[in-house]
Amino acid sequence: MAVNQTAALKVGLCLLGLCLFGYIVGPPLYWHFMEGLVAFSHISNTCPPYLCDCSSQPLLTIPKAYKYGQAIDLYTQTIELNSQNAVYWANRSLAHTKLEEYGSAIQDATKAIEVDPKYLKGYYR
């Protein structure tokens, strides 16, 4: 009987200790959790949208069956959206070269070099 009382006393003291621990530590943890949750929801609502370069996605996946004329049309649309990307100018220059439109190819390659002199493909396309 004495063994059961000491075991019950130990269990009771453990429960009391856990309750005391939860009482002391719980509110600060709850506050930190709520502050983090509020900060996260505030950031996600006020964060400006990321401006991705999604307009070039169709251009990267043009199947070989497409003709270069269609590629030129797509690059032209993309350049209208963002004319400060030398890659678009150089790629359109390559498409013009494939169609043997060398005057247009030279104009686009020159524009690619103007936009970004460090973009090497502008020089050899």
N, C-alpha and C. Protein backbone atom coordinates (compact mmCIF):
# COMPACT_ATOMS: atom_id res chain seq x y z
N MET A 1 0.82 -1.18 0.00
CA MET A 1 0.00 0.00 0.00
C MET A 1 0.87 1.25 0.00
N ALA A 2 1.98 1.23 0.70
CA ALA A 2 2.88 2.37 0.76
C ALA A 2 3.52 2.63 -0.60
N VAL A 3 3.73 1.56 -1.36
CA VAL A 3 4.33 1.70 -2.68
C VAL A 3 3.35 2.41 -3.61
N ASN A 4 2.08 2.08 -3.54
CA ASN A 4 1.07 2.70 -4.38
C ASN A 4 0.93 4.19 -4.06
N GLN A 5 1.06 4.52 -2.77
CA GLN A 5 0.94 5.92 -2.38
C GLN A 5 2.12 6.74 -2.90
N THR A 6 3.33 6.18 -2.85
CA THR A 6 4.50 6.92 -3.35
C THR A 6 4.43 7.04 -4.88
N ALA A 7 3.94 6.01 -5.56
CA ALA A 7 3.80 6.08 -7.02
C ALA A 7 2.75 7.13 -7.38
N ALA A 8 1.65 7.14 -6.63
CA ALA A 8 0.60 8.12 -6.89
C ALA A 8 1.10 9.53 -6.59
N LEU A 9 1.90 9.66 -5.53
CA LEU A 9 2.48 10.95 -5.18
C LEU A 9 3.42 11.44 -6.28
N LYS A 10 4.24 10.52 -6.82
CA LYS A 10 5.16 10.89 -7.90
C LYS A 10 4.39 11.33 -9.15
N VAL A 11 3.34 10.59 -9.48
CA VAL A 11 2.52 10.94 -10.64
C VAL A 11 1.86 12.30 -10.42
N GLY A 12 1.35 12.51 -9.22
CA GLY A 12 0.70 13.78 -8.90
C GLY A 12 1.68 14.93 -8.97
N LEU A 13 2.89 14.74 -8.43
CA LEU A 13 3.90 15.79 -8.49
C LEU A 13 4.34 16.07 -9.94
N CYS A 14 4.43 15.01 -10.74
CA CYS A 14 4.78 15.20 -12.16
C CYS A 14 3.70 16.01 -12.87
N LEU A 15 2.45 15.69 -12.62
CA LEU A 15 1.35 16.44 -13.23
C LEU A 15 1.36 17.89 -12.77
N LEU A 16 1.59 18.08 -11.47
CA LEU A 16 1.66 19.44 -10.93
C LEU A 16 2.81 20.21 -11.57
N GLY A 17 3.96 19.54 -11.73
CA GLY A 17 5.12 20.17 -12.36
C GLY A 17 4.84 20.53 -13.82
N LEU A 18 4.18 19.62 -14.55
CA LEU A 18 3.84 19.90 -15.93
C LEU A 18 2.87 21.07 -16.04
N CYS A 19 1.91 21.10 -15.14
CA CYS A 19 0.95 22.21 -15.15
C CYS A 19 1.64 23.53 -14.84
N LEU A 20 2.53 23.52 -13.86
CA LEU A 20 3.28 24.72 -13.51
C LEU A 20 4.18 25.16 -14.67
N PHE A 21 4.84 24.19 -15.28
CA PHE A 21 5.68 24.48 -16.44
C PHE A 21 4.85 25.09 -17.58
N GLY A 22 3.72 24.50 -17.86
CA GLY A 22 2.84 25.02 -18.91
C GLY A 22 2.32 26.41 -18.57
N TYR A 23 2.03 26.65 -17.29
CA TYR A 23 1.54 27.95 -16.85
C TYR A 23 2.60 29.03 -17.04
N ILE A 24 3.86 28.68 -16.75
CA ILE A 24 4.94 29.66 -16.83
C ILE A 24 5.42 29.86 -18.27
N VAL A 25 5.62 28.76 -18.97
CA VAL A 25 6.22 28.82 -20.30
C VAL A 25 5.16 29.01 -21.38
N GLY A 26 3.97 28.56 -21.16
CA GLY A 26 2.92 28.57 -22.18
C GLY A 26 2.59 29.93 -22.75
N PRO A 27 2.27 30.93 -21.92
CA PRO A 27 1.90 32.24 -22.48
C PRO A 27 2.99 32.87 -23.35
N PRO A 28 4.26 32.87 -22.93
CA PRO A 28 5.27 33.44 -23.84
C PRO A 28 5.35 32.69 -25.17
N LEU A 29 5.26 31.36 -25.12
CA LEU A 29 5.29 30.60 -26.36
C LEU A 29 4.08 30.94 -27.23
N TYR A 30 2.94 31.08 -26.59
CA TYR A 30 1.72 31.44 -27.32
C TYR A 30 1.88 32.82 -27.96
N TRP A 31 2.45 33.76 -27.19
CA TRP A 31 2.63 35.11 -27.73
C TRP A 31 3.59 35.09 -28.91
N HIS A 32 4.70 34.36 -28.76
CA HIS A 32 5.66 34.28 -29.86
C HIS A 32 5.02 33.63 -31.09
N PHE A 33 4.26 32.60 -30.87
CA PHE A 33 3.58 31.93 -31.97
C PHE A 33 2.62 32.88 -32.67
N MET A 34 1.84 33.62 -31.89
CA MET A 34 0.87 34.54 -32.48
C MET A 34 1.57 35.70 -33.20
N GLU A 35 2.65 36.23 -32.62
CA GLU A 35 3.41 37.29 -33.28
C GLU A 35 3.97 36.82 -34.61
N GLY A 36 4.51 35.61 -34.61
CA GLY A 36 5.03 35.04 -35.85
C GLY A 36 3.94 34.84 -36.88
N LEU A 37 2.79 34.38 -36.43
CA LEU A 37 1.67 34.16 -37.33
C LEU A 37 1.17 35.48 -37.92
N VAL A 38 1.07 36.50 -37.08
CA VAL A 38 0.64 37.82 -37.56
C VAL A 38 1.67 38.40 -38.52
N ALA A 39 2.95 38.27 -38.17
CA ALA A 39 4.00 38.79 -39.04
C ALA A 39 3.98 38.07 -40.39
N PHE A 40 3.81 36.77 -40.37
CA PHE A 40 3.78 36.01 -41.62
C PHE A 40 2.59 36.42 -42.48
N SER A 41 1.42 36.54 -41.86
CA SER A 41 0.24 36.90 -42.65
C SER A 41 0.36 38.34 -43.15
N HIS A 42 0.99 39.22 -42.36
CA HIS A 42 1.17 40.61 -42.79
C HIS A 42 2.14 40.68 -43.97
N ILE A 43 3.22 39.93 -43.90
CA ILE A 43 4.21 39.94 -44.97
C ILE A 43 3.61 39.38 -46.26
N SER A 44 2.89 38.29 -46.14
CA SER A 44 2.36 37.67 -47.35
C SER A 44 1.29 38.54 -48.01
N ASN A 45 0.63 39.40 -47.23
CA ASN A 45 -0.40 40.26 -47.81
C ASN A 45 0.18 41.54 -48.39
N THR A 46 1.30 42.01 -47.84
CA THR A 46 1.84 43.29 -48.29
C THR A 46 3.04 43.14 -49.20
N CYS A 47 3.50 41.95 -49.41
CA CYS A 47 4.67 41.72 -50.25
C CYS A 47 4.30 42.00 -51.71
N PRO A 48 5.10 42.80 -52.41
CA PRO A 48 4.76 43.06 -53.81
C PRO A 48 4.89 41.78 -54.62
N PRO A 49 4.12 41.66 -55.66
CA PRO A 49 4.19 40.44 -56.46
C PRO A 49 5.54 40.34 -57.16
N TYR A 50 6.03 39.14 -57.28
CA TYR A 50 7.30 38.90 -57.94
C TYR A 50 7.10 39.02 -59.44
N LEU A 51 7.89 39.83 -60.06
CA LEU A 51 7.76 40.04 -61.50
C LEU A 51 8.61 38.99 -62.21
N CYS A 52 7.98 37.91 -62.55
CA CYS A 52 8.71 36.85 -63.24
C CYS A 52 8.74 37.13 -64.73
N ASP A 53 9.65 36.48 -65.37
CA ASP A 53 9.81 36.64 -66.80
C ASP A 53 9.07 35.51 -67.50
N CYS A 54 7.78 35.41 -67.21
CA CYS A 54 6.98 34.30 -67.72
C CYS A 54 6.71 34.43 -69.20
N SER A 55 6.86 35.61 -69.76
CA SER A 55 6.55 35.80 -71.17
C SER A 55 7.51 35.03 -72.07
N SER A 56 8.70 34.67 -71.57
CA SER A 56 9.65 33.95 -72.40
C SER A 56 9.43 32.45 -72.36
N GLN A 57 8.56 31.97 -71.49
CA GLN A 57 8.34 30.53 -71.39
C GLN A 57 7.91 29.90 -72.71
N PRO A 58 6.95 30.44 -73.44
CA PRO A 58 6.59 29.79 -74.70
C PRO A 58 7.75 29.77 -75.68
N LEU A 59 8.62 30.76 -75.59
CA LEU A 59 9.74 30.83 -76.52
C LEU A 59 10.77 29.76 -76.24
N LEU A 60 10.88 29.37 -74.99
CA LEU A 60 11.86 28.36 -74.63
C LEU A 60 11.41 26.96 -75.03
N THR A 61 10.14 26.81 -75.27
CA THR A 61 9.60 25.48 -75.55
C THR A 61 9.01 25.37 -76.95
N ILE A 62 9.49 26.18 -77.86
CA ILE A 62 8.96 26.11 -79.23
C ILE A 62 9.42 24.80 -79.86
N PRO A 63 8.49 23.98 -80.30
CA PRO A 63 8.90 22.73 -80.96
C PRO A 63 9.56 23.01 -82.30
N LYS A 64 10.33 22.06 -82.76
CA LYS A 64 11.04 22.22 -84.03
C LYS A 64 10.07 22.35 -85.20
N ALA A 65 8.85 21.86 -85.03
CA ALA A 65 7.88 21.91 -86.11
C ALA A 65 7.45 23.35 -86.42
N TYR A 66 7.59 24.24 -85.44
CA TYR A 66 7.22 25.63 -85.69
C TYR A 66 8.22 26.25 -86.66
N LYS A 67 7.73 27.15 -87.42
CA LYS A 67 8.61 27.83 -88.36
C LYS A 67 9.23 29.04 -87.68
N TYR A 68 10.33 29.48 -88.23
CA TYR A 68 11.03 30.61 -87.65
C TYR A 68 10.20 31.89 -87.72
N GLY A 69 9.31 31.99 -88.68
CA GLY A 69 8.43 33.16 -88.76
C GLY A 69 7.54 33.27 -87.55
N GLN A 70 7.03 32.14 -87.08
CA GLN A 70 6.21 32.16 -85.86
C GLN A 70 7.06 32.50 -84.65
N ALA A 71 8.30 32.02 -84.65
CA ALA A 71 9.20 32.36 -83.54
C ALA A 71 9.47 33.86 -83.53
N ILE A 72 9.65 34.44 -84.72
CA ILE A 72 9.88 35.88 -84.80
C ILE A 72 8.67 36.64 -84.26
N ASP A 73 7.48 36.18 -84.59
CA ASP A 73 6.26 36.83 -84.08
C ASP A 73 6.21 36.76 -82.55
N LEU A 74 6.55 35.60 -82.00
CA LEU A 74 6.53 35.46 -80.53
C LEU A 74 7.60 36.33 -79.89
N TYR A 75 8.80 36.37 -80.47
CA TYR A 75 9.84 37.23 -79.91
C TYR A 75 9.45 38.70 -80.02
N THR A 76 8.77 39.07 -81.10
CA THR A 76 8.32 40.46 -81.25
C THR A 76 7.34 40.82 -80.15
N GLN A 77 6.41 39.93 -79.85
CA GLN A 77 5.46 40.17 -78.75
C GLN A 77 6.19 40.29 -77.42
N THR A 78 7.19 39.45 -77.22
CA THR A 78 7.94 39.48 -75.96
C THR A 78 8.76 40.76 -75.86
N ILE A 79 9.35 41.19 -76.96
CA ILE A 79 10.13 42.42 -76.96
C ILE A 79 9.24 43.62 -76.67
N GLU A 80 8.00 43.59 -77.14
CA GLU A 80 7.06 44.68 -76.84
C GLU A 80 6.79 44.76 -75.34
N LEU A 81 6.83 43.63 -74.65
CA LEU A 81 6.61 43.62 -73.21
C LEU A 81 7.85 44.05 -72.44
N ASN A 82 9.03 43.64 -72.93
CA ASN A 82 10.27 43.96 -72.23
C ASN A 82 11.37 44.13 -73.28
N SER A 83 11.61 45.35 -73.66
CA SER A 83 12.60 45.61 -74.70
C SER A 83 14.02 45.75 -74.14
N GLN A 84 14.18 45.61 -72.84
CA GLN A 84 15.49 45.77 -72.23
C GLN A 84 16.16 44.43 -71.91
N ASN A 85 15.78 43.39 -72.63
CA ASN A 85 16.38 42.08 -72.45
C ASN A 85 17.09 41.70 -73.74
N ALA A 86 18.42 41.66 -73.69
CA ALA A 86 19.22 41.40 -74.88
C ALA A 86 18.99 40.00 -75.44
N VAL A 87 18.60 39.07 -74.59
CA VAL A 87 18.38 37.69 -75.03
C VAL A 87 17.28 37.65 -76.09
N TYR A 88 16.22 38.39 -75.87
CA TYR A 88 15.11 38.39 -76.82
C TYR A 88 15.55 38.92 -78.18
N TRP A 89 16.32 40.01 -78.15
CA TRP A 89 16.79 40.60 -79.41
C TRP A 89 17.72 39.63 -80.14
N ALA A 90 18.63 39.00 -79.40
CA ALA A 90 19.57 38.08 -80.03
C ALA A 90 18.87 36.84 -80.58
N ASN A 91 17.89 36.34 -79.85
CA ASN A 91 17.16 35.17 -80.34
C ASN A 91 16.33 35.50 -81.58
N ARG A 92 15.74 36.67 -81.59
CA ARG A 92 15.00 37.07 -82.79
C ARG A 92 15.96 37.27 -83.97
N SER A 93 17.16 37.76 -83.66
CA SER A 93 18.18 37.90 -84.69
C SER A 93 18.54 36.54 -85.29
N LEU A 94 18.66 35.53 -84.45
CA LEU A 94 18.96 34.18 -84.93
C LEU A 94 17.84 33.66 -85.83
N ALA A 95 16.60 33.90 -85.43
CA ALA A 95 15.47 33.46 -86.25
C ALA A 95 15.48 34.16 -87.61
N HIS A 96 15.81 35.45 -87.62
CA HIS A 96 15.92 36.16 -88.89
C HIS A 96 17.04 35.56 -89.75
N THR A 97 18.15 35.20 -89.10
CA THR A 97 19.26 34.60 -89.83
C THR A 97 18.84 33.28 -90.47
N LYS A 98 18.09 32.48 -89.74
CA LYS A 98 17.63 31.19 -90.27
C LYS A 98 16.72 31.38 -91.48
N LEU A 99 16.01 32.50 -91.51
CA LEU A 99 15.14 32.80 -92.66
C LEU A 99 15.88 33.58 -93.75
N GLU A 100 17.19 33.77 -93.53
CA GLU A 100 18.05 34.51 -94.45
C GLU A 100 17.61 35.96 -94.62
N GLU A 101 17.06 36.53 -93.55
CA GLU A 101 16.70 37.95 -93.51
C GLU A 101 17.83 38.68 -92.78
N TYR A 102 18.93 38.86 -93.47
CA TYR A 102 20.15 39.31 -92.81
C TYR A 102 20.09 40.76 -92.34
N GLY A 103 19.38 41.60 -93.05
CA GLY A 103 19.26 42.99 -92.61
C GLY A 103 18.56 43.09 -91.26
N SER A 104 17.45 42.37 -91.12
CA SER A 104 16.73 42.37 -89.84
C SER A 104 17.55 41.70 -88.75
N ALA A 105 18.30 40.67 -89.14
CA ALA A 105 19.14 39.97 -88.16
C ALA A 105 20.21 40.90 -87.61
N ILE A 106 20.81 41.69 -88.50
CA ILE A 106 21.85 42.63 -88.06
C ILE A 106 21.24 43.71 -87.16
N GLN A 107 20.06 44.20 -87.51
CA GLN A 107 19.40 45.22 -86.68
C GLN A 107 19.13 44.68 -85.27
N ASP A 108 18.60 43.45 -85.19
CA ASP A 108 18.29 42.89 -83.87
C ASP A 108 19.56 42.59 -83.08
N ALA A 109 20.60 42.11 -83.75
CA ALA A 109 21.86 41.84 -83.06
C ALA A 109 22.47 43.14 -82.54
N THR A 110 22.38 44.20 -83.34
CA THR A 110 22.89 45.50 -82.91
C THR A 110 22.11 46.01 -81.70
N LYS A 111 20.81 45.82 -81.71
CA LYS A 111 19.99 46.24 -80.56
C LYS A 111 20.33 45.43 -79.33
N ALA A 112 20.60 44.13 -79.51
CA ALA A 112 20.99 43.29 -78.37
C ALA A 112 22.28 43.81 -77.74
N ILE A 113 23.22 44.23 -78.58
CA ILE A 113 24.48 44.78 -78.08
C ILE A 113 24.25 46.11 -77.38
N GLU A 114 23.36 46.94 -77.91
CA GLU A 114 23.04 48.22 -77.26
C GLU A 114 22.43 48.00 -75.88
N VAL A 115 21.54 47.02 -75.79
CA VAL A 115 20.85 46.76 -74.52
C VAL A 115 21.82 46.22 -73.48
N ASP A 116 22.67 45.27 -73.90
CA ASP A 116 23.62 44.66 -72.96
C ASP A 116 24.92 44.37 -73.69
N PRO A 117 25.90 45.26 -73.60
CA PRO A 117 27.17 45.05 -74.30
C PRO A 117 27.93 43.81 -73.82
N LYS A 118 27.61 43.31 -72.65
CA LYS A 118 28.30 42.12 -72.12
C LYS A 118 27.68 40.81 -72.59
N TYR A 119 26.55 40.88 -73.26
CA TYR A 119 25.88 39.67 -73.75
C TYR A 119 26.55 39.26 -75.06
N LEU A 120 27.36 38.22 -75.01
CA LEU A 120 28.22 37.85 -76.13
C LEU A 120 27.46 37.35 -77.36
N LYS A 121 26.32 36.73 -77.17
CA LYS A 121 25.59 36.20 -78.32
C LYS A 121 25.13 37.31 -79.26
N GLY A 122 24.99 38.50 -78.75
CA GLY A 122 24.62 39.62 -79.61
C GLY A 122 25.69 39.91 -80.65
N TYR A 123 26.94 39.58 -80.35
CA TYR A 123 28.03 39.86 -81.27
C TYR A 123 28.13 38.84 -82.40
N TYR A 124 27.84 37.60 -82.12
CA TYR A 124 28.03 36.60 -83.19
C TYR A 124 26.73 36.13 -83.81
N ARG A 125 25.62 36.66 -83.42
CA ARG A 125 24.37 36.31 -84.09
C ARG A 125 24.09 37.40 -85.07
